[in-house]
Amino acid sequence: MSVSKKRKSSAKTKRGRSHQSLTKVKLIKCAKCGKATLPHQVCSFCGSYKGKEIIKPKIKKKKEGK
């Protein structure tokens, strides 16, 4: 096997990996309630998608205080 003539510097190595960086999660506002949701997903808070109710939202029970 041959040995490389010049060693690749750390800067060149990191620049070569620049396409492997993480991307930010893109969020949109729900048309019905205004909460942040992922695009093309049913809103987990109100259960709507494109302004129509797809699933029934879960209603949280209030705890009775003593």
Protein backbone atom coordinates (compact mmCIF):
# COMPACT_ATOMS: atom_id res chain seq x y z
CA MET A 1 0.00 0.00 0.00
CA SER A 2 1.14 3.50 -0.72
CA VAL A 3 1.62 6.17 1.91
CA SER A 4 0.13 9.61 1.26
CA LYS A 5 2.67 12.35 0.50
CA LYS A 6 1.05 15.06 2.62
CA ARG A 7 -1.15 14.80 5.67
CA LYS A 8 -4.59 16.37 5.40
CA SER A 9 -4.88 19.26 7.88
CA SER A 10 -7.65 19.33 10.48
CA ALA A 11 -9.20 22.39 8.79
CA LYS A 12 -9.44 20.59 5.45
CA THR A 13 -10.95 17.56 7.18
CA LYS A 14 -13.61 19.68 8.91
CA ARG A 15 -14.44 21.56 5.70
CA GLY A 16 -14.96 18.22 3.98
CA ARG A 17 -17.56 17.32 6.59
CA SER A 18 -19.49 20.59 6.29
CA HIS A 19 -22.41 18.91 4.50
CA GLN A 20 -22.98 16.62 7.49
CA SER A 21 -24.07 19.45 9.81
CA LEU A 22 -27.38 19.38 11.69
CA THR A 23 -30.33 21.41 10.44
CA LYS A 24 -32.83 23.35 12.53
CA VAL A 25 -36.32 21.97 12.96
CA LYS A 26 -38.73 24.08 10.93
CA LEU A 27 -41.98 24.84 12.75
CA ILE A 28 -45.19 26.44 11.51
CA LYS A 29 -48.16 27.95 13.35
CA CYS A 30 -51.38 25.97 13.55
CA ALA A 31 -54.13 27.71 11.57
CA LYS A 32 -56.72 27.01 14.26
CA CYS A 33 -54.99 27.51 17.62
CA GLY A 34 -51.68 29.20 16.72
CA LYS A 35 -49.41 26.69 18.47
CA ALA A 36 -46.10 25.67 16.86
CA THR A 37 -46.28 22.35 15.00
CA LEU A 38 -44.27 20.42 12.45
CA PRO A 39 -45.33 20.99 8.83
CA HIS A 40 -47.63 18.35 7.28
CA GLN A 41 -48.55 17.02 10.73
CA VAL A 42 -51.76 17.08 12.76
CA CYS A 43 -51.63 19.66 15.56
CA SER A 44 -51.15 17.76 18.83
CA PHE A 45 -52.91 20.47 20.84
CA CYS A 46 -56.20 20.96 18.93
CA GLY A 47 -56.15 17.95 16.55
CA SER A 48 -56.64 19.95 13.35
CA TYR A 49 -54.89 19.74 9.98
CA LYS A 50 -55.39 22.37 7.25
CA GLY A 51 -58.17 23.97 9.29
CA LYS A 52 -60.20 20.74 9.67
CA GLU A 53 -60.52 18.69 12.86
CA ILE A 54 -58.94 15.30 12.18
CA ILE A 55 -58.64 13.83 15.66
CA LYS A 56 -60.42 14.72 18.87
CA PRO A 57 -58.11 16.58 21.25
CA LYS A 58 -57.42 15.04 24.63
CA ILE A 59 -59.00 17.08 27.40
CA LYS A 60 -56.87 17.29 30.51
CA LYS A 61 -58.74 16.71 33.76
CA LYS A 62 -58.31 19.42 36.35
CA LYS A 63 -57.10 18.26 39.75
CA GLU A 64 -59.42 19.17 42.59
CA GLY A 65 -57.61 21.03 45.35
CA LYS A 66 -58.28 20.34 48.99
